[in-house]
Every structure is written in structure tokens, then in C-alpha cells.
Amino acid sequence: MSNTTDFIAELVRAANEVERLTEIERGRLFERSVTTIRAMRETVSIQSAQADADKIVELQVMVAIRGTRTKDPSEVRDALLTAAGMIRDLHIVLDTGTEIELGGGKPV
């Protein structure tokens, strides 16, 4: 497996065992997720929006506002699975060489 698929598996495992994660482990997973997603987006020329509709902003808000200490493990689980899904999708785009069209119909 590649580093990317290993990380996706790590995120899914962590989501399934979220109650066992410490605050530090949660924080590191979110930090790595955001960094990985931004780097992969940059590689495929997708700019991160500063809008609420951008899932990466949602992940950052989850960590910044609610923190990694949230009492509701389902929030952390959902965020970890969202991150894993975003990384998986970007990995597929990068692996297959798929072109993405944004707004004006021009490939990115």
C-alpha cells in the first residue's frame, strides 16, 4: 500500500475506535488530514475556498471551535471519515490523471 492508502486506513480505524483516542491523537490526525488534503488539492490545482461550503474549512472549524475534546464522539468520527473520504477521492483523481472542470468548463 502507498502512504496515502495507509493514512486513509489509519483514519478509518481511528474513526471506529474514536473513544480510545486521546486529545493529542485526535489533534494530530486532524492536523495531518488538513495538511494532506491541502497538498493533494494543490497538486491537482484545486484552490481551497474560504467558504463554509468547503469541507476542509468544516474540518478546521471542528477542531478550532469545538476542539478535540468534544464530548460527542460521533462528531469526531464523522470528521475523521469525512477527511478519509476527501483524501481517498483526491488520491483517485491523482492516480488516474482525471481532469477536473470547475465552473467555466476549463479543465484544471
PDB file of N, CA and C in Angstrom:
ATOM      1  N   MET A   1       0.835  -1.187   0.000  1.00  0.00           N
ATOM      2  CA  MET A   1       0.000   0.000   0.000  1.00  0.00           C
ATOM      3  C   MET A   1       0.874   1.243   0.000  1.00  0.00           C
ATOM      4  N   SER A   2       0.294   2.324  -0.490  1.00  0.00           N
ATOM      5  CA  SER A   2       1.025   3.586  -0.503  1.00  0.00           C
ATOM      6  C   SER A   2       0.824   4.315   0.823  1.00  0.00           C
ATOM      7  N   ASN A   3       1.603   5.361   1.019  1.00  0.00           N
ATOM      8  CA  ASN A   3       1.444   6.163   2.233  1.00  0.00           C
ATOM      9  C   ASN A   3       0.031   6.725   2.334  1.00  0.00           C
ATOM     10  N   THR A   4      -0.533   7.106   1.183  1.00  0.00           N
ATOM     11  CA  THR A   4      -1.885   7.673   1.178  1.00  0.00           C
ATOM     12  C   THR A   4      -2.912   6.641   1.614  1.00  0.00           C
ATOM     13  N   THR A   5      -2.860   5.461   1.040  1.00  0.00           N
ATOM     14  CA  THR A   5      -3.842   4.447   1.424  1.00  0.00           C
ATOM     15  C   THR A   5      -3.631   3.999   2.875  1.00  0.00           C
ATOM     16  N   ASP A   6      -2.390   3.989   3.331  1.00  0.00           N
ATOM     17  CA  ASP A   6      -2.120   3.682   4.737  1.00  0.00           C
ATOM     18  C   ASP A   6      -2.765   4.723   5.650  1.00  0.00           C
ATOM     19  N   PHE A   7      -2.661   5.998   5.259  1.00  0.00           N
ATOM     20  CA  PHE A   7      -3.227   7.065   6.074  1.00  0.00           C
ATOM     21  C   PHE A   7      -4.756   6.998   6.069  1.00  0.00           C
ATOM     22  N   ILE A   8      -5.344   6.700   4.922  1.00  0.00           N
ATOM     23  CA  ILE A   8      -6.803   6.545   4.845  1.00  0.00           C
ATOM     24  C   ILE A   8      -7.246   5.427   5.797  1.00  0.00           C
ATOM     25  N   ALA A   9      -6.543   4.309   5.761  1.00  0.00           N
ATOM     26  CA  ALA A   9      -6.868   3.191   6.654  1.00  0.00           C
ATOM     27  C   ALA A   9      -6.714   3.598   8.120  1.00  0.00           C
ATOM     28  N   GLU A  10      -5.694   4.379   8.420  1.00  0.00           N
ATOM     29  CA  GLU A  10      -5.474   4.850   9.791  1.00  0.00           C
ATOM     30  C   GLU A  10      -6.634   5.736  10.255  1.00  0.00           C
ATOM     31  N   LEU A  11      -7.117   6.605   9.364  1.00  0.00           N
ATOM     32  CA  LEU A  11      -8.242   7.477   9.710  1.00  0.00           C
ATOM     33  C   LEU A  11      -9.519   6.669   9.956  1.00  0.00           C
ATOM     34  N   VAL A  12      -9.764   5.678   9.121  1.00  0.00           N
ATOM     35  CA  VAL A  12     -10.961   4.846   9.286  1.00  0.00           C
ATOM     36  C   VAL A  12     -10.873   4.042  10.581  1.00  0.00           C
ATOM     37  N   ARG A  13      -9.700   3.478  10.853  1.00  0.00           N
ATOM     38  CA  ARG A  13      -9.514   2.744  12.116  1.00  0.00           C
ATOM     39  C   ARG A  13      -9.746   3.667  13.312  1.00  0.00           C
ATOM     40  N   ALA A  14      -9.182   4.863  13.236  1.00  0.00           N
ATOM     41  CA  ALA A  14      -9.349   5.823  14.330  1.00  0.00           C
ATOM     42  C   ALA A  14     -10.819   6.193  14.509  1.00  0.00           C
ATOM     43  N   ALA A  15     -11.540   6.361  13.407  1.00  0.00           N
ATOM     44  CA  ALA A  15     -12.967   6.681  13.491  1.00  0.00           C
ATOM     45  C   ALA A  15     -13.744   5.556  14.163  1.00  0.00           C
ATOM     46  N   ASN A  16     -13.341   4.333  13.907  1.00  0.00           N
ATOM     47  CA  ASN A  16     -14.011   3.178  14.509  1.00  0.00           C
ATOM     48  C   ASN A  16     -13.660   2.982  15.978  1.00  0.00           C
ATOM     49  N   GLU A  17     -12.569   3.601  16.406  1.00  0.00           N
ATOM     50  CA  GLU A  17     -12.133   3.485  17.798  1.00  0.00           C
ATOM     51  C   GLU A  17     -12.010   4.857  18.451  1.00  0.00           C
ATOM     52  N   VAL A  18     -12.858   5.777  18.053  1.00  0.00           N
ATOM     53  CA  VAL A  18     -12.716   7.169  18.458  1.00  0.00           C
ATOM     54  C   VAL A  18     -12.720   7.367  19.974  1.00  0.00           C
ATOM     55  N   GLU A  19     -13.427   6.518  20.680  1.00  0.00           N
ATOM     56  CA  GLU A  19     -13.480   6.647  22.139  1.00  0.00           C
ATOM     57  C   GLU A  19     -12.121   6.380  22.794  1.00  0.00           C
ATOM     58  N   ARG A  20     -11.273   5.652  22.119  1.00  0.00           N
ATOM     59  CA  ARG A  20      -9.947   5.303  22.662  1.00  0.00           C
ATOM     60  C   ARG A  20      -8.882   6.355  22.368  1.00  0.00           C
ATOM     61  N   LEU A  21      -9.179   7.295  21.469  1.00  0.00           N
ATOM     62  CA  LEU A  21      -8.191   8.294  21.075  1.00  0.00           C
ATOM     63  C   LEU A  21      -8.040   9.374  22.140  1.00  0.00           C
ATOM     64  N   THR A  22      -6.812   9.794  22.371  1.00  0.00           N
ATOM     65  CA  THR A  22      -6.578  10.922  23.265  1.00  0.00           C
ATOM     66  C   THR A  22      -6.783  12.214  22.476  1.00  0.00           C
ATOM     67  N   GLU A  23      -6.868  13.313  23.195  1.00  0.00           N
ATOM     68  CA  GLU A  23      -6.993  14.621  22.532  1.00  0.00           C
ATOM     69  C   GLU A  23      -5.811  14.868  21.594  1.00  0.00           C
ATOM     70  N   ILE A  24      -4.638  14.500  22.034  1.00  0.00           N
ATOM     71  CA  ILE A  24      -3.436  14.713  21.229  1.00  0.00           C
ATOM     72  C   ILE A  24      -3.501  13.886  19.950  1.00  0.00           C
ATOM     73  N   GLU A  25      -3.918  12.636  20.056  1.00  0.00           N
ATOM     74  CA  GLU A  25      -4.037  11.787  18.869  1.00  0.00           C
ATOM     75  C   GLU A  25      -5.074  12.346  17.895  1.00  0.00           C
ATOM     76  N   ARG A  26      -6.207  12.792  18.429  1.00  0.00           N
ATOM     77  CA  ARG A  26      -7.234  13.401  17.572  1.00  0.00           C
ATOM     78  C   ARG A  26      -6.676  14.622  16.855  1.00  0.00           C
ATOM     79  N   GLY A  27      -6.028  15.482  17.617  1.00  0.00           N
ATOM     80  CA  GLY A  27      -5.466  16.704  17.043  1.00  0.00           C
ATOM     81  C   GLY A  27      -4.459  16.429  15.945  1.00  0.00           C
ATOM     82  N   ARG A  28      -3.592  15.467  16.178  1.00  0.00           N
ATOM     83  CA  ARG A  28      -2.586  15.115  15.166  1.00  0.00           C
ATOM     84  C   ARG A  28      -3.216  14.549  13.903  1.00  0.00           C
ATOM     85  N   LEU A  29      -4.241  13.715  14.075  1.00  0.00           N
ATOM     86  CA  LEU A  29      -4.926  13.159  12.904  1.00  0.00           C
ATOM     87  C   LEU A  29      -5.587  14.266  12.084  1.00  0.00           C
ATOM     88  N   PHE A  30      -6.236  15.207  12.767  1.00  0.00           N
ATOM     89  CA  PHE A  30      -6.868  16.312  12.043  1.00  0.00           C
ATOM     90  C   PHE A  30      -5.836  17.198  11.361  1.00  0.00           C
ATOM     91  N   GLU A  31      -4.751  17.466  12.064  1.00  0.00           N
ATOM     92  CA  GLU A  31      -3.687  18.290  11.504  1.00  0.00           C
ATOM     93  C   GLU A  31      -3.106  17.632  10.244  1.00  0.00           C
ATOM     94  N   ARG A  32      -2.793  16.350  10.338  1.00  0.00           N
ATOM     95  CA  ARG A  32      -2.264  15.613   9.182  1.00  0.00           C
ATOM     96  C   ARG A  32      -3.279  15.567   8.047  1.00  0.00           C
ATOM     97  N   SER A  33      -4.555  15.415   8.393  1.00  0.00           N
ATOM     98  CA  SER A  33      -5.602  15.355   7.374  1.00  0.00           C
ATOM     99  C   SER A  33      -5.677  16.653   6.585  1.00  0.00           C
ATOM    100  N   VAL A  34      -5.744  17.759   7.287  1.00  0.00           N
ATOM    101  CA  VAL A  34      -5.849  19.059   6.622  1.00  0.00           C
ATOM    102  C   VAL A  34      -4.614  19.325   5.771  1.00  0.00           C
ATOM    103  N   THR A  35      -3.444  19.028   6.302  1.00  0.00           N
ATOM    104  CA  THR A  35      -2.201  19.227   5.550  1.00  0.00           C
ATOM    105  C   THR A  35      -2.179  18.353   4.297  1.00  0.00           C
ATOM    106  N   THR A  36      -2.585  17.103   4.432  1.00  0.00           N
ATOM    107  CA  THR A  36      -2.609  16.174   3.301  1.00  0.00           C
ATOM    108  C   THR A  36      -3.606  16.625   2.246  1.00  0.00           C
ATOM    109  N   ILE A  37      -4.800  17.008   2.671  1.00  0.00           N
ATOM    110  CA  ILE A  37      -5.830  17.441   1.726  1.00  0.00           C
ATOM    111  C   ILE A  37      -5.378  18.692   0.982  1.00  0.00           C
ATOM    112  N   ARG A  38      -4.832  19.659   1.690  1.00  0.00           N
ATOM    113  CA  ARG A  38      -4.355  20.891   1.033  1.00  0.00           C
ATOM    114  C   ARG A  38      -3.256  20.578   0.013  1.00  0.00           C
ATOM    115  N   ALA A  39      -2.310  19.721   0.377  1.00  0.00           N
ATOM    116  CA  ALA A  39      -1.218  19.374  -0.534  1.00  0.00           C
ATOM    117  C   ALA A  39      -1.742  18.656  -1.781  1.00  0.00           C
ATOM    118  N   MET A  40      -2.671  17.727  -1.582  1.00  0.00           N
ATOM    119  CA  MET A  40      -3.227  16.991  -2.719  1.00  0.00           C
ATOM    120  C   MET A  40      -4.049  17.910  -3.611  1.00  0.00           C
ATOM    121  N   ARG A  41      -4.801  18.821  -3.005  1.00  0.00           N
ATOM    122  CA  ARG A  41      -5.578  19.789  -3.791  1.00  0.00           C
ATOM    123  C   ARG A  41      -4.653  20.680  -4.617  1.00  0.00           C
ATOM    124  N   GLU A  42      -3.576  21.089  -4.005  1.00  0.00           N
ATOM    125  CA  GLU A  42      -2.622  21.938  -4.719  1.00  0.00           C
ATOM    126  C   GLU A  42      -2.044  21.189  -5.925  1.00  0.00           C
ATOM    127  N   THR A  43      -1.777  19.912  -5.753  1.00  0.00           N
ATOM    128  CA  THR A  43      -1.229  19.095  -6.829  1.00  0.00           C
ATOM    129  C   THR A  43      -2.187  19.015  -8.016  1.00  0.00           C
ATOM    130  N   VAL A  44      -3.492  18.962  -7.744  1.00  0.00           N
ATOM    131  CA  VAL A  44      -4.474  18.898  -8.834  1.00  0.00           C
ATOM    132  C   VAL A  44      -5.061  20.278  -9.149  1.00  0.00           C
ATOM    133  N   SER A  45      -4.450  21.316  -8.608  1.00  0.00           N
ATOM    134  CA  SER A  45      -4.835  22.709  -8.872  1.00  0.00           C
ATOM    135  C   SER A  45      -6.245  23.057  -8.413  1.00  0.00           C
ATOM    136  N   ILE A  46      -6.642  22.537  -7.270  1.00  0.00           N
ATOM    137  CA  ILE A  46      -7.917  22.919  -6.658  1.00  0.00           C
ATOM    138  C   ILE A  46      -7.591  23.852  -5.500  1.00  0.00           C
ATOM    139  N   GLN A  47      -8.106  25.053  -5.584  1.00  0.00           N
ATOM    140  CA  GLN A  47      -7.885  26.019  -4.515  1.00  0.00           C
ATOM    141  C   GLN A  47      -8.894  25.778  -3.403  1.00  0.00           C
ATOM    142  N   SER A  48      -8.431  25.833  -2.178  1.00  0.00           N
ATOM    143  CA  SER A  48      -9.349  25.705  -1.052  1.00  0.00           C
ATOM    144  C   SER A  48     -10.123  27.006  -0.922  1.00  0.00           C
ATOM    145  N   ALA A  49     -11.435  26.893  -0.848  1.00  0.00           N
ATOM    146  CA  ALA A  49     -12.283  28.064  -0.696  1.00  0.00           C
ATOM    147  C   ALA A  49     -12.290  28.492   0.769  1.00  0.00           C
ATOM    148  N   GLN A  50     -12.526  29.743   0.987  1.00  0.00           N
ATOM    149  CA  GLN A  50     -12.660  30.232   2.359  1.00  0.00           C
ATOM    150  C   GLN A  50     -14.139  30.343   2.705  1.00  0.00           C
ATOM    151  N   ALA A  51     -14.911  29.440   2.169  1.00  0.00           N
ATOM    152  CA  ALA A  51     -16.359  29.461   2.368  1.00  0.00           C
ATOM    153  C   ALA A  51     -16.792  28.303   3.246  1.00  0.00           C
ATOM    154  N   ASP A  52     -17.947  28.439   3.823  1.00  0.00           N
ATOM    155  CA  ASP A  52     -18.478  27.388   4.688  1.00  0.00           C
ATOM    156  C   ASP A  52     -18.751  26.103   3.930  1.00  0.00           C
ATOM    157  N   ALA A  53     -18.930  26.190   2.613  1.00  0.00           N
ATOM    158  CA  ALA A  53     -19.259  25.010   1.812  1.00  0.00           C
ATOM    159  C   ALA A  53     -18.055  24.090   1.611  1.00  0.00           C
ATOM    160  N   ASP A  54     -16.865  24.572   1.887  1.00  0.00           N
ATOM    161  CA  ASP A  54     -15.659  23.786   1.694  1.00  0.00           C
ATOM    162  C   ASP A  54     -15.464  22.853   2.888  1.00  0.00           C
ATOM    163  N   LYS A  55     -15.412  21.550   2.627  1.00  0.00           N
ATOM    164  CA  LYS A  55     -15.302  20.554   3.698  1.00  0.00           C
ATOM    165  C   LYS A  55     -14.023  20.721   4.512  1.00  0.00           C
ATOM    166  N   ILE A  56     -12.956  21.199   3.890  1.00  0.00           N
ATOM    167  CA  ILE A  56     -11.708  21.359   4.639  1.00  0.00           C
ATOM    168  C   ILE A  56     -11.868  22.471   5.677  1.00  0.00           C
ATOM    169  N   VAL A  57     -12.632  23.498   5.332  1.00  0.00           N
ATOM    170  CA  VAL A  57     -12.918  24.559   6.296  1.00  0.00           C
ATOM    171  C   VAL A  57     -13.747  23.988   7.440  1.00  0.00           C
ATOM    172  N   GLU A  58     -14.691  23.113   7.106  1.00  0.00           N
ATOM    173  CA  GLU A  58     -15.521  22.467   8.128  1.00  0.00           C
ATOM    174  C   GLU A  58     -14.657  21.665   9.106  1.00  0.00           C
ATOM    175  N   LEU A  59     -13.659  20.947   8.576  1.00  0.00           N
ATOM    176  CA  LEU A  59     -12.760  20.182   9.447  1.00  0.00           C
ATOM    177  C   LEU A  59     -11.983  21.108  10.374  1.00  0.00           C
ATOM    178  N   GLN A  60     -11.489  22.209   9.812  1.00  0.00           N
ATOM    179  CA  GLN A  60     -10.714  23.142  10.622  1.00  0.00           C
ATOM    180  C   GLN A  60     -11.583  23.789  11.698  1.00  0.00           C
ATOM    181  N   VAL A  61     -12.821  24.113  11.349  1.00  0.00           N
ATOM    182  CA  VAL A  61     -13.743  24.706  12.317  1.00  0.00           C
ATOM    183  C   VAL A  61     -14.044  23.711  13.430  1.00  0.00           C
ATOM    184  N   MET A  62     -14.216  22.457  13.047  1.00  0.00           N
ATOM    185  CA  MET A  62     -14.498  21.430  14.042  1.00  0.00           C
ATOM    186  C   MET A  62     -13.399  21.384  15.095  1.00  0.00           C
ATOM    187  N   VAL A  63     -12.178  21.473  14.645  1.00  0.00           N
ATOM    188  CA  VAL A  63     -11.050  21.413  15.569  1.00  0.00           C
ATOM    189  C   VAL A  63     -10.896  22.729  16.329  1.00  0.00           C
ATOM    190  N   ALA A  64     -11.015  23.861  15.636  1.00  0.00           N
ATOM    191  CA  ALA A  64     -10.775  25.162  16.254  1.00  0.00           C
ATOM    192  C   ALA A  64     -11.858  25.544  17.263  1.00  0.00           C
ATOM    193  N   ILE A  65     -13.114  25.367  16.887  1.00  0.00           N
ATOM    194  CA  ILE A  65     -14.203  25.806  17.754  1.00  0.00           C
ATOM    195  C   ILE A  65     -14.573  24.758  18.780  1.00  0.00           C
ATOM    196  N   ARG A  66     -14.831  23.560  18.326  1.00  0.00           N
ATOM    197  CA  ARG A  66     -15.272  22.509  19.246  1.00  0.00           C
ATOM    198  C   ARG A  66     -14.089  21.862  19.945  1.00  0.00           C
ATOM    199  N   GLY A  67     -12.948  21.941  19.301  1.00  0.00           N
ATOM    200  CA  GLY A  67     -11.759  21.336  19.866  1.00  0.00           C
ATOM    201  C   GLY A  67     -11.771  19.833  19.717  1.00  0.00           C
ATOM    202  N   THR A  68     -10.709  19.230  20.114  1.00  0.00           N
ATOM    203  CA  THR A  68     -10.615  17.786  20.012  1.00  0.00           C
ATOM    204  C   THR A  68     -11.169  17.121  21.266  1.00  0.00           C
ATOM    205  N   ARG A  69     -11.625  17.925  22.216  1.00  0.00           N
ATOM    206  CA  ARG A  69     -12.157  17.396  23.480  1.00  0.00           C
ATOM    207  C   ARG A  69     -13.658  17.202  23.465  1.00  0.00           C
ATOM    208  N   THR A  70     -14.283  17.378  22.347  1.00  0.00           N
ATOM    209  CA  THR A  70     -15.732  17.269  22.287  1.00  0.00           C
ATOM    210  C   THR A  70     -16.222  16.023  23.003  1.00  0.00           C
ATOM    211  N   LYS A  71     -17.324  16.160  23.692  1.00  0.00           N
ATOM    212  CA  LYS A  71     -17.902  15.034  24.441  1.00  0.00           C
ATOM    213  C   LYS A  71     -18.664  14.086  23.521  1.00  0.00           C
ATOM    214  N   ASP A  72     -18.953  14.538  22.306  1.00  0.00           N
ATOM    215  CA  ASP A  72     -19.726  13.723  21.369  1.00  0.00           C
ATOM    216  C   ASP A  72     -18.780  13.023  20.393  1.00  0.00           C
ATOM    217  N   PRO A  73     -18.484  11.742  20.619  1.00  0.00           N
ATOM    218  CA  PRO A  73     -17.545  11.040  19.756  1.00  0.00           C
ATOM    219  C   PRO A  73     -18.030  10.933  18.306  1.00  0.00           C
ATOM    220  N   SER A  74     -19.346  11.041  18.095  1.00  0.00           N
ATOM    221  CA  SER A  74     -19.848  10.941  16.720  1.00  0.00           C
ATOM    222  C   SER A  74     -19.383  12.123  15.875  1.00  0.00           C
ATOM    223  N   GLU A  75     -19.193  13.294  16.477  1.00  0.00           N
ATOM    224  CA  GLU A  75     -18.669  14.456  15.739  1.00  0.00           C
ATOM    225  C   GLU A  75     -17.250  14.176  15.247  1.00  0.00           C
ATOM    226  N   VAL A  76     -16.436  13.636  16.124  1.00  0.00           N
ATOM    227  CA  VAL A  76     -15.052  13.320  15.757  1.00  0.00           C
ATOM    228  C   VAL A  76     -15.043  12.204  14.719  1.00  0.00           C
ATOM    229  N   ARG A  77     -15.853  11.180  14.923  1.00  0.00           N
ATOM    230  CA  ARG A  77     -15.949  10.065  13.976  1.00  0.00           C
ATOM    231  C   ARG A  77     -16.331  10.577  12.586  1.00  0.00           C
ATOM    232  N   ASP A  78     -17.364  11.421  12.530  1.00  0.00           N
ATOM    233  CA  ASP A  78     -17.815  11.956  11.244  1.00  0.00           C
ATOM    234  C   ASP A  78     -16.720  12.778  10.562  1.00  0.00           C
ATOM    235  N   ALA A  79     -16.015  13.586  11.343  1.00  0.00           N
ATOM    236  CA  ALA A  79     -14.953  14.416  10.775  1.00  0.00           C
ATOM    237  C   ALA A  79     -13.796  13.556  10.256  1.00  0.00           C
ATOM    238  N   LEU A  80     -13.439  12.501  10.992  1.00  0.00           N
ATOM    239  CA  LEU A  80     -12.361  11.617  10.542  1.00  0.00           C
ATOM    240  C   LEU A  80     -12.758  10.889   9.257  1.00  0.00           C
ATOM    241  N   LEU A  81     -14.011  10.449   9.186  1.00  0.00           N
ATOM    242  CA  LEU A  81     -14.472   9.758   7.974  1.00  0.00           C
ATOM    243  C   LEU A  81     -14.592  10.719   6.795  1.00  0.00           C
ATOM    244  N   THR A  82     -14.966  11.970   7.064  1.00  0.00           N
ATOM    245  CA  THR A  82     -15.003  12.983   6.001  1.00  0.00           C
ATOM    246  C   THR A  82     -13.600  13.202   5.455  1.00  0.00           C
ATOM    247  N   ALA A  83     -12.631  13.324   6.341  1.00  0.00           N
ATOM    248  CA  ALA A  83     -11.244  13.511   5.915  1.00  0.00           C
ATOM    249  C   ALA A  83     -10.760  12.316   5.105  1.00  0.00           C
ATOM    250  N   ALA A  84     -11.060  11.114   5.576  1.00  0.00           N
ATOM    251  CA  ALA A  84     -10.647   9.906   4.853  1.00  0.00           C
ATOM    252  C   ALA A  84     -11.263   9.875   3.457  1.00  0.00           C
ATOM    253  N   GLY A  85     -12.532  10.243   3.351  1.00  0.00           N
ATOM    254  CA  GLY A  85     -13.208  10.265   2.051  1.00  0.00           C
ATOM    255  C   GLY A  85     -12.615  11.294   1.105  1.00  0.00           C
ATOM    256  N   MET A  86     -12.302  12.469   1.634  1.00  0.00           N
ATOM    257  CA  MET A  86     -11.692  13.507   0.790  1.00  0.00           C
ATOM    258  C   MET A  86     -10.324  13.061   0.279  1.00  0.00           C
ATOM    259  N   ILE A  87      -9.530  12.477   1.152  1.00  0.00           N
ATOM    260  CA  ILE A  87      -8.200  12.015   0.754  1.00  0.00           C
ATOM    261  C   ILE A  87      -8.318  10.885  -0.261  1.00  0.00           C
ATOM    262  N   ARG A  88      -9.258   9.967  -0.039  1.00  0.00           N
ATOM    263  CA  ARG A  88      -9.486   8.873  -0.992  1.00  0.00           C
ATOM    264  C   ARG A  88      -9.863   9.422  -2.365  1.00  0.00           C
ATOM    265  N   ASP A  89     -10.795  10.360  -2.405  1.00  0.00           N
ATOM    266  CA  ASP A  89     -11.228  10.938  -3.679  1.00  0.00           C
ATOM    267  C   ASP A  89     -10.073  11.641  -4.402  1.00  0.00           C
ATOM    268  N   LEU A  90      -9.298  12.414  -3.657  1.00  0.00           N
ATOM    269  CA  LEU A  90      -8.157  13.106  -4.264  1.00  0.00           C
ATOM    270  C   LEU A  90      -7.101  12.117  -4.740  1.00  0.00           C
ATOM    271  N   HIS A  91      -6.913  11.046  -3.995  1.00  0.00           N
ATOM    272  CA  HIS A  91      -5.952  10.015  -4.394  1.00  0.00           C
ATOM    273  C   HIS A  91      -6.375   9.379  -5.719  1.00  0.00           C
ATOM    274  N   ILE A  92      -7.667   9.122  -5.868  1.00  0.00           N
ATOM    275  CA  ILE A  92      -8.182   8.557  -7.119  1.00  0.00           C
ATOM    276  C   ILE A  92      -7.943   9.518  -8.276  1.00  0.00           C
ATOM    277  N   VAL A  93      -8.222  10.789  -8.064  1.00  0.00           N
ATOM    278  CA  VAL A  93      -8.001  11.798  -9.106  1.00  0.00           C
ATOM    279  C   VAL A  93      -6.528  11.823  -9.506  1.00  0.00           C
ATOM    280  N   LEU A  94      -5.650  11.840  -8.527  1.00  0.00           N
ATOM    281  CA  LEU A  94      -4.212  11.880  -8.815  1.00  0.00           C
ATOM    282  C   LEU A  94      -3.740  10.592  -9.486  1.00  0.00           C
ATOM    283  N   ASP A  95      -4.223   9.466  -9.016  1.00  0.00           N
ATOM    284  CA  ASP A  95      -3.788   8.171  -9.520  1.00  0.00           C
ATOM    285  C   ASP A  95      -4.240   7.921 -10.958  1.00  0.00           C
ATOM    286  N   THR A  96      -5.433   8.395 -11.290  1.00  0.00           N
ATOM    287  CA  THR A  96      -5.986   8.140 -12.622  1.00  0.00           C
ATOM    288  C   THR A  96      -5.686   9.257 -13.613  1.00  0.00           C
ATOM    289  N   GLY A  97      -5.194  10.387 -13.117  1.00  0.00           N
ATOM    290  CA  GLY A  97      -4.926  11.509 -14.012  1.00  0.00           C
ATOM    291  C   GLY A  97      -6.194  12.195 -14.494  1.00  0.00           C
ATOM    292  N   THR A  98      -7.270  12.036 -13.753  1.00  0.00           N
ATOM    293  CA  THR A  98      -8.548  12.633 -14.109  1.00  0.00           C
ATOM    294  C   THR A  98      -8.452  14.149 -14.095  1.00  0.00           C
ATOM    295  N   GLU A  99      -9.030  14.788 -15.119  1.00  0.00           N
ATOM    296  CA  GLU A  99      -9.078  16.244 -15.152  1.00  0.00           C
ATOM    297  C   GLU A  99     -10.375  16.699 -14.509  1.00  0.00           C
ATOM    298  N   ILE A 100     -10.291  17.783 -13.765  1.00  0.00           N
ATOM    299  CA  ILE A 100     -11.453  18.325 -13.072  1.00  0.00           C
ATOM    300  C   ILE A 100     -11.814  19.655 -13.700  1.00  0.00           C
ATOM    301  N   GLU A 101     -13.115  19.832 -13.994  1.00  0.00           N
ATOM    302  CA  GLU A 101     -13.586  21.086 -14.545  1.00  0.00           C
ATOM    303  C   GLU A 101     -14.279  21.876 -13.448  1.00  0.00           C
ATOM    304  N   LEU A 102     -13.887  23.120 -13.310  1.00  0.00           N
ATOM    305  CA  LEU A 102     -14.505  23.985 -12.312  1.00  0.00           C
ATOM    306  C   LEU A 102     -15.248  25.118 -13.008  1.00  0.00           C
ATOM    307  N   GLY A 103     -16.450  25.357 -12.603  1.00  0.00           N
ATOM    308  CA  GLY A 103     -17.232  26.487 -13.050  1.00  0.00           C
ATOM    309  C   GLY A 103     -17.290  26.720 -14.547  1.00  0.00           C
ATOM    310  N   GLY A 104     -16.269  27.351 -15.129  1.00  0.00           N
ATOM    311  CA  GLY A 104     -16.284  27.795 -16.510  1.00  0.00           C
ATOM    312  C   GLY A 104     -16.035  26.722 -17.545  1.00  0.00           C
ATOM    313  N   GLY A 105     -15.958  25.473 -17.142  1.00  0.00           N
ATOM    314  CA  GLY A 105     -15.797  24.383 -18.086  1.00  0.00           C
ATOM    315  C   GLY A 105     -14.362  24.181 -18.542  1.00  0.00           C
ATOM    316  N   LYS A 106     -13.417  24.835 -17.909  1.00  0.00           N
ATOM    317  CA  LYS A 106     -11.999  24.655 -18.265  1.00  0.00           C
ATOM    318  C   LYS A 106     -11.397  23.597 -17.367  1.00  0.00           C
ATOM    319  N   PRO A 107     -10.699  22.622 -17.966  1.00  0.00           N
ATOM    320  CA  PRO A 107     -10.062  21.587 -17.123  1.00  0.00           C
ATOM    321  C   PRO A 107      -8.987  22.189 -16.249  1.00  0.00           C
ATOM    322  N   VAL A 108      -8.865  21.623 -15.077  1.00  0.00           N
ATOM    323  CA  VAL A 108      -7.841  22.078 -14.120  1.00  0.00           C
ATOM    324  C   VAL A 108      -6.668  21.131 -14.210  1.00  0.00           C
TER     325      VAL A 108
END
